[in-house]
Amino acid sequence: MKDLLIFDLDGTLIDSKEDLVGSVNAMLAWKHRAPLPHDVVASYVGNGAPMLVKRALPDLGEDEHLAALQFFLDYYREHMLDATTLYPGVREALDRLHQHHIALAVLTNKPVRFSERLIAGLGLSAHFFKIYGGNSFEEKKPHPIGIERLIAESSADRARTVMVGDSAVDVLTARAAKVQACGVSWGFQPETFQQAPPDFMVDDLRVLAEMVLERP
């Protein structure tokens, strides 16, 4: 009976809002556009960098969009760890789960190399047996391919697998893979849980760690 916890990254484990907003607004300045408010940019996050850029610059043609996307990625690569931090309780929860040999993984729509660099920069690489990003497979979340691969690679029980995230995208991914969905009350888009409610919510990741470790 093996447990597997799969975590979204932005808005779930890491508070990356400042660096994402800064990168989007740098891109907008490059295109001679006005900056966007923090909450607006945060509402655009969750479906990968190409969709984030399209939402911030919806009137661009294909070639202009690709150029803007490249600017955003180049800028964000240099600034992704300027202000990004772990949410309160995340390190303690992951430390405890890792010490008890619970299988932990990251499944995000952020590009995988950026995700790996962020996790390494925050000192968490050793905690996760696998990190998958939006370009790891042909399909992004909410397609279930990432969860299916992680279950196979960890030999975990589907009934003891939980997808943890801050948005409806994560819940829909869990539903598609027929695993449990845990929502977090912080993050970028918890209001989207109204359209796709998780199986349960936590206000602190240490509570989830306790729940998992106390399961029979």
N, C-alpha and C. Protein backbone atom coordinates (compact mmCIF):
# COMPACT_ATOMS: atom_id res chain seq x y z
N MET A 1 0.86 -1.18 0.00
CA MET A 1 0.00 0.00 0.00
C MET A 1 0.89 1.23 0.00
N LYS A 2 1.19 1.75 -1.17
CA LYS A 2 2.15 2.86 -1.28
C LYS A 2 1.43 4.17 -1.57
N ASP A 3 1.79 5.20 -0.79
CA ASP A 3 1.23 6.54 -0.97
C ASP A 3 2.02 7.32 -2.01
N LEU A 4 1.31 8.18 -2.73
CA LEU A 4 1.95 9.08 -3.68
C LEU A 4 1.26 10.44 -3.58
N LEU A 5 2.03 11.48 -3.33
CA LEU A 5 1.52 12.85 -3.32
C LEU A 5 2.12 13.59 -4.50
N ILE A 6 1.26 14.15 -5.33
CA ILE A 6 1.68 14.89 -6.53
C ILE A 6 1.29 16.35 -6.33
N PHE A 7 2.27 17.24 -6.43
CA PHE A 7 2.03 18.65 -6.14
C PHE A 7 2.11 19.52 -7.39
N ASP A 8 1.16 20.42 -7.52
CA ASP A 8 1.32 21.55 -8.42
C ASP A 8 2.45 22.42 -7.84
N LEU A 9 2.98 23.34 -8.63
CA LEU A 9 4.12 24.14 -8.17
C LEU A 9 3.70 25.58 -7.83
N ASP A 10 3.44 26.40 -8.85
CA ASP A 10 3.08 27.80 -8.62
C ASP A 10 1.75 27.90 -7.87
N GLY A 11 1.75 28.62 -6.76
CA GLY A 11 0.53 28.81 -6.00
C GLY A 11 0.21 27.68 -5.05
N THR A 12 1.00 26.61 -5.09
CA THR A 12 0.78 25.47 -4.20
C THR A 12 1.98 25.28 -3.28
N LEU A 13 3.14 25.04 -3.86
CA LEU A 13 4.37 24.93 -3.06
C LEU A 13 5.08 26.27 -2.97
N ILE A 14 5.09 27.03 -4.07
CA ILE A 14 5.87 28.26 -4.12
C ILE A 14 4.99 29.47 -4.40
N ASP A 15 5.32 30.57 -3.74
CA ASP A 15 4.69 31.86 -4.01
C ASP A 15 5.58 32.58 -5.02
N SER A 16 5.25 32.41 -6.28
CA SER A 16 6.06 32.96 -7.37
C SER A 16 5.39 34.15 -8.04
N LYS A 17 4.36 34.68 -7.39
CA LYS A 17 3.57 35.73 -8.01
C LYS A 17 4.40 36.95 -8.40
N GLU A 18 5.27 37.42 -7.49
CA GLU A 18 6.03 38.65 -7.77
C GLU A 18 6.91 38.49 -9.01
N ASP A 19 7.58 37.35 -9.12
CA ASP A 19 8.49 37.15 -10.25
C ASP A 19 7.74 36.92 -11.56
N LEU A 20 6.58 36.27 -11.50
CA LEU A 20 5.77 36.10 -12.70
C LEU A 20 5.19 37.43 -13.15
N VAL A 21 4.67 38.20 -12.21
CA VAL A 21 4.11 39.51 -12.55
C VAL A 21 5.20 40.41 -13.13
N GLY A 22 6.37 40.41 -12.50
CA GLY A 22 7.47 41.23 -13.00
C GLY A 22 7.87 40.85 -14.41
N SER A 23 7.87 39.56 -14.70
CA SER A 23 8.27 39.09 -16.03
C SER A 23 7.21 39.42 -17.08
N VAL A 24 5.95 39.25 -16.72
CA VAL A 24 4.87 39.60 -17.65
C VAL A 24 4.88 41.10 -17.93
N ASN A 25 5.04 41.90 -16.90
CA ASN A 25 5.02 43.35 -17.11
C ASN A 25 6.27 43.85 -17.83
N ALA A 26 7.39 43.17 -17.67
CA ALA A 26 8.58 43.50 -18.47
C ALA A 26 8.31 43.22 -19.94
N MET A 27 7.63 42.12 -20.22
CA MET A 27 7.25 41.80 -21.59
C MET A 27 6.29 42.83 -22.16
N LEU A 28 5.32 43.26 -21.33
CA LEU A 28 4.37 44.27 -21.79
C LEU A 28 5.07 45.60 -22.07
N ALA A 29 6.03 45.97 -21.23
CA ALA A 29 6.79 47.20 -21.46
C ALA A 29 7.57 47.11 -22.75
N TRP A 30 8.13 45.93 -23.02
CA TRP A 30 8.87 45.69 -24.27
C TRP A 30 7.96 45.88 -25.48
N LYS A 31 6.67 45.55 -25.31
CA LYS A 31 5.70 45.72 -26.39
C LYS A 31 4.98 47.07 -26.30
N HIS A 32 5.48 47.97 -25.42
CA HIS A 32 4.92 49.32 -25.26
C HIS A 32 3.46 49.26 -24.80
N ARG A 33 3.19 48.33 -23.86
CA ARG A 33 1.87 48.20 -23.28
C ARG A 33 1.92 48.56 -21.80
N ALA A 34 0.76 48.92 -21.26
CA ALA A 34 0.66 49.25 -19.83
C ALA A 34 0.79 47.98 -18.99
N PRO A 35 1.33 48.11 -17.77
CA PRO A 35 1.44 46.94 -16.90
C PRO A 35 0.07 46.45 -16.43
N LEU A 36 0.03 45.19 -16.03
CA LEU A 36 -1.20 44.59 -15.51
C LEU A 36 -1.11 44.46 -13.99
N PRO A 37 -2.23 44.56 -13.29
CA PRO A 37 -2.22 44.37 -11.83
C PRO A 37 -1.81 42.94 -11.46
N HIS A 38 -1.28 42.79 -10.25
CA HIS A 38 -0.80 41.49 -9.78
C HIS A 38 -1.88 40.41 -9.87
N ASP A 39 -3.09 40.73 -9.39
CA ASP A 39 -4.14 39.71 -9.35
C ASP A 39 -4.58 39.28 -10.74
N VAL A 40 -4.52 40.20 -11.69
CA VAL A 40 -4.88 39.85 -13.07
C VAL A 40 -3.87 38.86 -13.64
N VAL A 41 -2.59 39.15 -13.47
CA VAL A 41 -1.55 38.22 -13.95
C VAL A 41 -1.68 36.87 -13.26
N ALA A 42 -1.92 36.88 -11.96
CA ALA A 42 -2.07 35.62 -11.22
C ALA A 42 -3.22 34.79 -11.77
N SER A 43 -4.29 35.45 -12.21
CA SER A 43 -5.44 34.72 -12.76
C SER A 43 -5.13 34.09 -14.11
N TYR A 44 -4.05 34.53 -14.76
CA TYR A 44 -3.65 33.98 -16.05
C TYR A 44 -2.75 32.75 -15.91
N VAL A 45 -2.26 32.48 -14.70
CA VAL A 45 -1.31 31.40 -14.48
C VAL A 45 -2.04 30.07 -14.33
N GLY A 46 -1.41 28.99 -14.81
CA GLY A 46 -1.97 27.66 -14.57
C GLY A 46 -2.04 26.78 -15.78
N ASN A 47 -1.99 27.38 -16.97
CA ASN A 47 -2.10 26.58 -18.19
C ASN A 47 -0.85 26.64 -19.05
N GLY A 48 0.28 27.02 -18.44
CA GLY A 48 1.55 27.06 -19.17
C GLY A 48 1.91 28.45 -19.66
N ALA A 49 3.20 28.63 -19.97
CA ALA A 49 3.71 29.93 -20.39
C ALA A 49 3.08 30.45 -21.69
N PRO A 50 2.90 29.61 -22.73
CA PRO A 50 2.27 30.14 -23.96
C PRO A 50 0.89 30.72 -23.71
N MET A 51 0.08 30.06 -22.87
CA MET A 51 -1.26 30.57 -22.58
C MET A 51 -1.18 31.83 -21.72
N LEU A 52 -0.23 31.90 -20.81
CA LEU A 52 -0.04 33.10 -20.00
C LEU A 52 0.24 34.30 -20.89
N VAL A 53 1.12 34.13 -21.86
CA VAL A 53 1.47 35.23 -22.77
C VAL A 53 0.27 35.60 -23.65
N LYS A 54 -0.47 34.60 -24.12
CA LYS A 54 -1.65 34.88 -24.95
C LYS A 54 -2.70 35.66 -24.17
N ARG A 55 -2.86 35.32 -22.90
CA ARG A 55 -3.85 36.03 -22.08
C ARG A 55 -3.41 37.46 -21.81
N ALA A 56 -2.10 37.67 -21.65
CA ALA A 56 -1.59 39.02 -21.39
C ALA A 56 -1.56 39.87 -22.65
N LEU A 57 -1.39 39.21 -23.81
CA LEU A 57 -1.33 39.91 -25.10
C LEU A 57 -2.25 39.19 -26.09
N PRO A 58 -3.55 39.33 -25.92
CA PRO A 58 -4.49 38.54 -26.72
C PRO A 58 -4.61 38.95 -28.18
N ASP A 59 -4.09 40.13 -28.53
CA ASP A 59 -4.30 40.63 -29.89
C ASP A 59 -3.11 40.39 -30.81
N LEU A 60 -2.14 39.59 -30.39
CA LEU A 60 -0.95 39.37 -31.22
C LEU A 60 -1.17 38.27 -32.25
N GLY A 61 -0.49 38.42 -33.38
CA GLY A 61 -0.47 37.35 -34.37
C GLY A 61 0.49 36.25 -33.94
N GLU A 62 0.54 35.18 -34.72
CA GLU A 62 1.34 34.00 -34.34
C GLU A 62 2.82 34.34 -34.16
N ASP A 63 3.40 35.03 -35.11
CA ASP A 63 4.83 35.35 -35.03
C ASP A 63 5.12 36.30 -33.88
N GLU A 64 4.26 37.30 -33.70
CA GLU A 64 4.44 38.25 -32.59
C GLU A 64 4.30 37.54 -31.24
N HIS A 65 3.37 36.60 -31.18
CA HIS A 65 3.18 35.85 -29.94
C HIS A 65 4.43 35.03 -29.60
N LEU A 66 5.00 34.39 -30.60
CA LEU A 66 6.20 33.58 -30.36
C LEU A 66 7.37 34.45 -29.89
N ALA A 67 7.48 35.65 -30.46
CA ALA A 67 8.55 36.57 -30.05
C ALA A 67 8.32 37.04 -28.61
N ALA A 68 7.07 37.35 -28.27
CA ALA A 68 6.75 37.79 -26.91
C ALA A 68 6.98 36.66 -25.92
N LEU A 69 6.61 35.45 -26.31
CA LEU A 69 6.83 34.29 -25.44
C LEU A 69 8.32 34.10 -25.17
N GLN A 70 9.14 34.24 -26.20
CA GLN A 70 10.58 34.08 -26.01
C GLN A 70 11.15 35.15 -25.09
N PHE A 71 10.65 36.40 -25.24
CA PHE A 71 11.09 37.47 -24.35
C PHE A 71 10.72 37.13 -22.91
N PHE A 72 9.47 36.71 -22.71
CA PHE A 72 9.02 36.36 -21.36
C PHE A 72 9.88 35.26 -20.76
N LEU A 73 10.11 34.20 -21.51
CA LEU A 73 10.89 33.06 -21.00
C LEU A 73 12.32 33.48 -20.67
N ASP A 74 12.92 34.28 -21.53
CA ASP A 74 14.30 34.73 -21.29
C ASP A 74 14.37 35.60 -20.03
N TYR A 75 13.40 36.50 -19.90
CA TYR A 75 13.40 37.39 -18.73
C TYR A 75 13.14 36.60 -17.46
N TYR A 76 12.14 35.72 -17.51
CA TYR A 76 11.79 34.94 -16.32
C TYR A 76 12.92 34.01 -15.90
N ARG A 77 13.63 33.47 -16.86
CA ARG A 77 14.77 32.60 -16.55
C ARG A 77 15.79 33.32 -15.67
N GLU A 78 15.97 34.60 -15.89
CA GLU A 78 16.94 35.39 -15.14
C GLU A 78 16.40 35.89 -13.80
N HIS A 79 15.10 35.91 -13.65
CA HIS A 79 14.50 36.55 -12.46
C HIS A 79 13.59 35.63 -11.65
N MET A 80 13.55 34.35 -11.96
CA MET A 80 12.57 33.45 -11.34
C MET A 80 12.78 33.22 -9.85
N LEU A 81 13.98 33.53 -9.36
CA LEU A 81 14.26 33.34 -7.94
C LEU A 81 14.52 34.66 -7.21
N ASP A 82 14.15 35.78 -7.85
CA ASP A 82 14.35 37.08 -7.20
C ASP A 82 13.53 37.21 -5.92
N ALA A 83 12.26 36.86 -5.99
CA ALA A 83 11.36 37.04 -4.85
C ALA A 83 10.57 35.78 -4.49
N THR A 84 10.71 34.73 -5.27
CA THR A 84 9.93 33.51 -5.06
C THR A 84 10.35 32.79 -3.78
N THR A 85 9.35 32.39 -3.00
CA THR A 85 9.61 31.70 -1.74
C THR A 85 8.63 30.54 -1.59
N LEU A 86 8.91 29.66 -0.63
CA LEU A 86 7.97 28.60 -0.28
C LEU A 86 6.87 29.20 0.59
N TYR A 87 5.67 28.67 0.45
CA TYR A 87 4.59 29.08 1.34
C TYR A 87 4.87 28.56 2.76
N PRO A 88 4.32 29.22 3.78
CA PRO A 88 4.55 28.78 5.16
C PRO A 88 4.14 27.31 5.36
N GLY A 89 5.01 26.57 6.03
CA GLY A 89 4.71 25.18 6.34
C GLY A 89 5.10 24.18 5.28
N VAL A 90 5.42 24.65 4.08
CA VAL A 90 5.72 23.73 2.97
C VAL A 90 6.99 22.93 3.23
N ARG A 91 8.06 23.62 3.60
CA ARG A 91 9.32 22.90 3.82
C ARG A 91 9.19 21.87 4.94
N GLU A 92 8.55 22.27 6.02
CA GLU A 92 8.39 21.35 7.15
C GLU A 92 7.56 20.12 6.75
N ALA A 93 6.49 20.35 5.99
CA ALA A 93 5.63 19.24 5.56
C ALA A 93 6.39 18.30 4.63
N LEU A 94 7.10 18.86 3.66
CA LEU A 94 7.84 18.02 2.72
C LEU A 94 8.98 17.28 3.42
N ASP A 95 9.64 17.94 4.36
CA ASP A 95 10.70 17.27 5.13
C ASP A 95 10.14 16.05 5.84
N ARG A 96 9.00 16.21 6.48
CA ARG A 96 8.43 15.11 7.26
C ARG A 96 8.00 13.96 6.37
N LEU A 97 7.35 14.28 5.26
CA LEU A 97 6.90 13.24 4.33
C LEU A 97 8.09 12.50 3.73
N HIS A 98 9.12 13.25 3.39
CA HIS A 98 10.33 12.65 2.80
C HIS A 98 11.02 11.73 3.80
N GLN A 99 11.08 12.16 5.05
CA GLN A 99 11.71 11.33 6.09
C GLN A 99 10.97 10.01 6.30
N HIS A 100 9.67 10.00 6.01
CA HIS A 100 8.87 8.78 6.15
C HIS A 100 8.74 8.02 4.83
N HIS A 101 9.55 8.41 3.84
CA HIS A 101 9.65 7.69 2.57
C HIS A 101 8.33 7.68 1.79
N ILE A 102 7.56 8.75 1.92
CA ILE A 102 6.37 8.92 1.09
C ILE A 102 6.83 9.38 -0.30
N ALA A 103 6.30 8.77 -1.35
CA ALA A 103 6.67 9.16 -2.71
C ALA A 103 6.09 10.55 -3.02
N LEU A 104 6.95 11.48 -3.40
CA LEU A 104 6.56 12.85 -3.69
C LEU A 104 6.97 13.21 -5.11
N ALA A 105 6.11 13.94 -5.81
CA ALA A 105 6.41 14.36 -7.18
C ALA A 105 5.79 15.73 -7.44
N VAL A 106 6.30 16.39 -8.47
CA VAL A 106 5.74 17.67 -8.92
C VAL A 106 5.19 17.49 -10.32
N LEU A 107 3.98 17.98 -10.53
CA LEU A 107 3.36 17.98 -11.86
C LEU A 107 2.79 19.38 -12.10
N THR A 108 3.46 20.13 -12.96
CA THR A 108 3.11 21.53 -13.20
C THR A 108 3.02 21.79 -14.69
N ASN A 109 2.35 22.85 -15.07
CA ASN A 109 2.33 23.25 -16.47
C ASN A 109 3.44 24.24 -16.80
N LYS A 110 4.27 24.58 -15.81
CA LYS A 110 5.45 25.41 -16.04
C LYS A 110 6.48 24.56 -16.80
N PRO A 111 7.30 25.14 -17.68
CA PRO A 111 8.34 24.36 -18.36
C PRO A 111 9.20 23.59 -17.37
N VAL A 112 9.55 22.36 -17.71
CA VAL A 112 10.20 21.46 -16.75
C VAL A 112 11.56 21.99 -16.28
N ARG A 113 12.35 22.57 -17.18
CA ARG A 113 13.67 23.06 -16.76
C ARG A 113 13.56 24.21 -15.78
N PHE A 114 12.57 25.07 -15.98
CA PHE A 114 12.34 26.15 -15.03
C PHE A 114 11.92 25.58 -13.68
N SER A 115 11.05 24.57 -13.72
CA SER A 115 10.56 23.95 -12.49
C SER A 115 11.71 23.31 -11.72
N GLU A 116 12.55 22.58 -12.42
CA GLU A 116 13.70 21.94 -11.78
C GLU A 116 14.64 22.97 -11.17
N ARG A 117 14.85 24.07 -11.88
CA ARG A 117 15.75 25.11 -11.37
C ARG A 117 15.17 25.78 -10.13
N LEU A 118 13.88 26.04 -10.15
CA LEU A 118 13.24 26.65 -8.98
C LEU A 118 13.33 25.73 -7.76
N ILE A 119 13.01 24.47 -7.96
CA ILE A 119 13.03 23.52 -6.85
C ILE A 119 14.45 23.35 -6.31
N ALA A 120 15.42 23.31 -7.19
CA ALA A 120 16.82 23.22 -6.76
C ALA A 120 17.22 24.48 -6.00
N GLY A 121 16.82 25.65 -6.51
CA GLY A 121 17.18 26.91 -5.88
C GLY A 121 16.58 27.07 -4.50
N LEU A 122 15.47 26.40 -4.27
CA LEU A 122 14.81 26.46 -2.97
C LEU A 122 15.20 25.28 -2.07
N GLY A 123 16.14 24.47 -2.54
CA GLY A 123 16.70 23.40 -1.72
C GLY A 123 15.79 22.21 -1.51
N LEU A 124 14.97 21.87 -2.54
CA LEU A 124 14.01 20.78 -2.38
C LEU A 124 14.20 19.63 -3.37
N SER A 125 15.26 19.66 -4.15
CA SER A 125 15.43 18.64 -5.19
C SER A 125 15.40 17.22 -4.65
N ALA A 126 16.00 17.00 -3.48
CA ALA A 126 16.11 15.65 -2.93
C ALA A 126 14.77 15.10 -2.47
N HIS A 127 13.76 15.96 -2.33
CA HIS A 127 12.48 15.51 -1.80
C HIS A 127 11.63 14.80 -2.85
N PHE A 128 11.83 15.10 -4.14
CA PHE A 128 10.94 14.61 -5.19
C PHE A 128 11.63 13.56 -6.06
N PHE A 129 10.94 12.45 -6.26
CA PHE A 129 11.52 11.42 -7.11
C PHE A 129 11.37 11.76 -8.59
N LYS A 130 10.44 12.68 -8.90
CA LYS A 130 10.25 13.09 -10.28
C LYS A 130 9.62 14.48 -10.33
N ILE A 131 10.05 15.27 -11.33
CA ILE A 131 9.46 16.58 -11.59
C ILE A 131 9.06 16.60 -13.07
N TYR A 132 7.77 16.78 -13.32
CA TYR A 132 7.28 16.87 -14.69
C TYR A 132 6.68 18.25 -14.92
N GLY A 133 6.96 18.82 -16.11
CA GLY A 133 6.46 20.15 -16.45
C GLY A 133 5.51 20.12 -17.62
N GLY A 134 5.13 21.30 -18.07
CA GLY A 134 4.15 21.41 -19.15
C GLY A 134 4.65 20.93 -20.48
N ASN A 135 5.96 20.81 -20.63
CA ASN A 135 6.53 20.31 -21.88
C ASN A 135 7.12 18.91 -21.72
N SER A 136 6.77 18.21 -20.64
CA SER A 136 7.27 16.85 -20.44
C SER A 136 6.50 15.82 -21.27
N PHE A 137 5.25 16.16 -21.60
CA PHE A 137 4.39 15.26 -22.36
C PHE A 137 3.74 16.02 -23.50
N GLU A 138 3.04 15.30 -24.36
CA GLU A 138 2.34 15.95 -25.47
C GLU A 138 1.15 16.76 -24.98
N GLU A 139 0.63 16.41 -23.79
CA GLU A 139 -0.53 17.10 -23.24
C GLU A 139 -0.19 17.68 -21.86
N LYS A 140 -0.76 18.84 -21.56
CA LYS A 140 -0.62 19.46 -20.25
C LYS A 140 -1.80 19.08 -19.35
N LYS A 141 -1.67 19.38 -18.05
CA LYS A 141 -2.85 19.31 -17.19
C LYS A 141 -3.96 20.19 -17.78
N PRO A 142 -5.20 19.77 -17.76
CA PRO A 142 -5.79 18.69 -16.95
C PRO A 142 -5.78 17.30 -17.58
N HIS A 143 -5.02 17.09 -18.64
CA HIS A 143 -4.88 15.73 -19.18
C HIS A 143 -4.22 14.86 -18.10
N PRO A 144 -4.65 13.62 -17.94
CA PRO A 144 -4.15 12.78 -16.84
C PRO A 144 -2.81 12.09 -17.09
N ILE A 145 -2.19 12.32 -18.25
CA ILE A 145 -0.99 11.54 -18.59
C ILE A 145 0.11 11.67 -17.55
N GLY A 146 0.29 12.86 -16.96
CA GLY A 146 1.33 13.05 -15.95
C GLY A 146 1.09 12.22 -14.71
N ILE A 147 -0.13 12.20 -14.22
CA ILE A 147 -0.47 11.40 -13.04
C ILE A 147 -0.32 9.92 -13.36
N GLU A 148 -0.79 9.51 -14.53
CA GLU A 148 -0.68 8.09 -14.90
C GLU A 148 0.78 7.65 -14.93
N ARG A 149 1.64 8.49 -15.47
CA ARG A 149 3.07 8.14 -15.54
C ARG A 149 3.67 8.06 -14.13
N LEU A 150 3.30 8.98 -13.27
CA LEU A 150 3.85 9.00 -11.91
C LEU A 150 3.38 7.79 -11.09
N ILE A 151 2.14 7.40 -11.27
CA ILE A 151 1.65 6.20 -10.58
C ILE A 151 2.44 4.98 -11.04
N ALA A 152 2.66 4.86 -12.33
CA ALA A 152 3.40 3.72 -12.87
C ALA A 152 4.84 3.72 -12.38
N GLU A 153 5.47 4.90 -12.38
CA GLU A 153 6.89 4.97 -12.01
C GLU A 153 7.13 4.77 -10.52
N SER A 154 6.14 5.11 -9.70
CA SER A 154 6.30 4.97 -8.25
C SER A 154 5.73 3.66 -7.71
N SER A 155 4.99 2.94 -8.57
CA SER A 155 4.28 1.72 -8.13
C SER A 155 3.33 2.01 -6.98
N ALA A 156 2.75 3.21 -7.00
CA ALA A 156 1.84 3.62 -5.93
C ALA A 156 0.43 3.07 -6.19
N ASP A 157 -0.36 3.01 -5.13
CA ASP A 157 -1.76 2.64 -5.24
C ASP A 157 -2.56 3.86 -5.70
N ARG A 158 -3.38 3.68 -6.72
CA ARG A 158 -4.21 4.79 -7.20
C ARG A 158 -5.10 5.32 -6.08
N ALA A 159 -5.61 4.42 -5.25
CA ALA A 159 -6.50 4.83 -4.16
C ALA A 159 -5.78 5.63 -3.10
N ARG A 160 -4.44 5.57 -3.09
CA ARG A 160 -3.65 6.30 -2.09
C ARG A 160 -2.82 7.40 -2.75
N THR A 161 -3.25 7.81 -3.95
CA THR A 161 -2.58 8.88 -4.69
C THR A 161 -3.42 10.15 -4.56
N VAL A 162 -2.77 11.27 -4.29
CA VAL A 162 -3.45 12.55 -4.11
C VAL A 162 -2.77 13.61 -4.98
N MET A 163 -3.58 14.34 -5.75
CA MET A 163 -3.10 15.51 -6.49
C MET A 163 -3.40 16.74 -5.66
N VAL A 164 -2.37 17.54 -5.38
CA VAL A 164 -2.50 18.70 -4.50
C VAL A 164 -2.30 19.97 -5.33
N GLY A 165 -3.27 20.89 -5.28
CA GLY A 165 -3.11 22.11 -6.06
C GLY A 165 -4.00 23.24 -5.59
N ASP A 166 -3.85 24.39 -6.27
CA ASP A 166 -4.57 25.60 -5.85
C ASP A 166 -5.63 26.03 -6.84
N SER A 167 -5.96 25.17 -7.83
CA SER A 167 -6.91 25.61 -8.85
C SER A 167 -7.74 24.45 -9.38
N ALA A 168 -8.77 24.80 -10.14
CA ALA A 168 -9.64 23.81 -10.77
C ALA A 168 -8.86 22.92 -11.74
N VAL A 169 -7.81 23.45 -12.35
CA VAL A 169 -6.99 22.65 -13.27
C VAL A 169 -6.48 21.40 -12.57
N ASP A 170 -6.02 21.57 -11.33
CA ASP A 170 -5.48 20.43 -10.58
C ASP A 170 -6.58 19.44 -10.20
N VAL A 171 -7.75 19.94 -9.85
CA VAL A 171 -8.87 19.07 -9.51
C VAL A 171 -9.31 18.28 -10.75
N LEU A 172 -9.41 18.94 -11.88
CA LEU A 172 -9.82 18.27 -13.11
C LEU A 172 -8.80 17.23 -13.55
N THR A 173 -7.53 17.50 -13.29
CA THR A 173 -6.48 16.52 -13.59
C THR A 173 -6.66 15.29 -12.71
N ALA A 174 -6.93 15.50 -11.43
CA ALA A 174 -7.17 14.39 -10.51
C ALA A 174 -8.40 13.58 -10.94
N ARG A 175 -9.47 14.28 -11.30
CA ARG A 175 -10.68 13.59 -11.72
C ARG A 175 -10.41 12.73 -12.96
N ALA A 176 -9.66 13.27 -13.91
CA ALA A 176 -9.38 12.53 -15.14
C ALA A 176 -8.58 11.27 -14.87
N ALA A 177 -7.73 11.32 -13.83
CA ALA A 177 -6.89 10.17 -13.48
C ALA A 177 -7.52 9.29 -12.40
N LYS A 178 -8.70 9.68 -11.93
CA LYS A 178 -9.41 8.92 -10.90
C LYS A 178 -8.59 8.77 -9.62
N VAL A 179 -8.03 9.92 -9.17
CA VAL A 179 -7.33 9.96 -7.88
C VAL A 179 -7.96 11.07 -7.04
N GLN A 180 -7.59 11.14 -5.77
CA GLN A 180 -8.12 12.17 -4.90
C GLN A 180 -7.51 13.54 -5.22
N ALA A 181 -8.32 14.57 -4.99
CA ALA A 181 -7.87 15.95 -5.19
C ALA A 181 -7.89 16.68 -3.86
N CYS A 182 -6.75 17.26 -3.50
CA CYS A 182 -6.64 18.10 -2.29
C CYS A 182 -6.43 19.54 -2.73
N GLY A 183 -7.31 20.42 -2.31
CA GLY A 183 -7.14 21.83 -2.60
C GLY A 183 -6.45 22.56 -1.47
N VAL A 184 -5.67 23.58 -1.80
CA VAL A 184 -5.04 24.42 -0.78
C VAL A 184 -5.75 25.77 -0.77
N SER A 185 -5.90 26.35 0.42
CA SER A 185 -6.69 27.56 0.57
C SER A 185 -5.93 28.82 0.19
N TRP A 186 -4.62 28.69 -0.02
CA TRP A 186 -3.82 29.85 -0.46
C TRP A 186 -3.63 29.75 -1.97
N GLY A 187 -2.65 30.45 -2.52
CA GLY A 187 -2.32 30.29 -3.93
C GLY A 187 -2.92 31.33 -4.83
N PHE A 188 -2.93 31.03 -6.14
CA PHE A 188 -3.32 32.00 -7.15
C PHE A 188 -4.81 31.96 -7.48
N GLN A 189 -5.40 30.77 -7.52
CA GLN A 189 -6.77 30.67 -8.04
C GLN A 189 -7.68 29.76 -7.21
N PRO A 190 -7.67 29.87 -5.88
CA PRO A 190 -8.57 29.01 -5.10
C PRO A 190 -10.04 29.27 -5.37
N GLU A 191 -10.37 30.46 -5.91
CA GLU A 191 -11.78 30.73 -6.23
C GLU A 191 -12.31 29.81 -7.33
N THR A 192 -11.41 29.23 -8.15
CA THR A 192 -11.86 28.34 -9.22
C THR A 192 -12.36 27.00 -8.67
N PHE A 193 -12.13 26.74 -7.38
CA PHE A 193 -12.67 25.51 -6.79
C PHE A 193 -14.20 25.51 -6.77
N GLN A 194 -14.80 26.68 -6.96
CA GLN A 194 -16.26 26.74 -7.01
C GLN A 194 -16.79 25.95 -8.21
N GLN A 195 -16.03 25.94 -9.30
CA GLN A 195 -16.47 25.21 -10.49
C GLN A 195 -15.99 23.77 -10.48
N ALA A 196 -14.99 23.46 -9.68
CA ALA A 196 -14.48 22.08 -9.59
C ALA A 196 -14.00 21.85 -8.17
N PRO A 197 -14.89 21.51 -7.26
CA PRO A 197 -14.52 21.34 -5.85
C PRO A 197 -13.59 20.14 -5.64
N PRO A 198 -12.54 20.31 -4.82
CA PRO A 198 -11.68 19.17 -4.49
C PRO A 198 -12.36 18.25 -3.49
N ASP A 199 -11.76 17.09 -3.27
CA ASP A 199 -12.31 16.15 -2.28
C ASP A 199 -12.18 16.70 -0.87
N PHE A 200 -11.09 17.43 -0.62
CA PHE A 200 -10.91 18.07 0.68
C PHE A 200 -9.94 19.23 0.53
N MET A 201 -9.95 20.13 1.52
CA MET A 201 -9.10 21.31 1.51
C MET A 201 -8.21 21.32 2.75
N VAL A 202 -7.05 21.97 2.62
CA VAL A 202 -6.19 22.19 3.78
C VAL A 202 -5.77 23.65 3.80
N ASP A 203 -5.57 24.17 5.01
CA ASP A 203 -5.10 25.54 5.20
C ASP A 203 -3.60 25.59 5.47
N ASP A 204 -2.98 24.42 5.62
CA ASP A 204 -1.55 24.33 5.93
C ASP A 204 -1.08 22.96 5.44
N LEU A 205 0.02 22.93 4.69
CA LEU A 205 0.49 21.65 4.14
C LEU A 205 0.91 20.67 5.23
N ARG A 206 1.25 21.20 6.40
CA ARG A 206 1.60 20.30 7.50
C ARG A 206 0.39 19.47 7.94
N VAL A 207 -0.82 19.99 7.75
CA VAL A 207 -2.03 19.23 8.05
C VAL A 207 -2.16 18.05 7.10
N LEU A 208 -1.88 18.28 5.82
CA LEU A 208 -1.92 17.18 4.85
C LEU A 208 -0.90 16.11 5.20
N ALA A 209 0.31 16.53 5.57
CA ALA A 209 1.35 15.56 5.95
C ALA A 209 0.86 14.69 7.11
N GLU A 210 0.23 15.31 8.08
CA GLU A 210 -0.28 14.57 9.24
C GLU A 210 -1.36 13.58 8.81
N MET A 211 -2.25 14.01 7.93
CA MET A 211 -3.31 13.14 7.43
C MET A 211 -2.75 11.91 6.73
N VAL A 212 -1.76 12.13 5.87
CA VAL A 212 -1.17 11.03 5.12
C VAL A 212 -0.45 10.05 6.04
N LEU A 213 0.31 10.58 6.99
CA LEU A 213 1.09 9.72 7.87
C LEU A 213 0.22 8.97 8.87
N GLU A 214 -0.98 9.46 9.13
CA GLU A 214 -1.88 8.79 10.06
C GLU A 214 -2.81 7.80 9.37
N ARG A 215 -2.77 7.73 8.03
CA ARG A 215 -3.66 6.80 7.32
C ARG A 215 -3.27 5.36 7.66
N PRO A 216 -4.26 4.49 7.85
CA PRO A 216 -3.94 3.09 8.13
C PRO A 216 -3.35 2.39 6.90
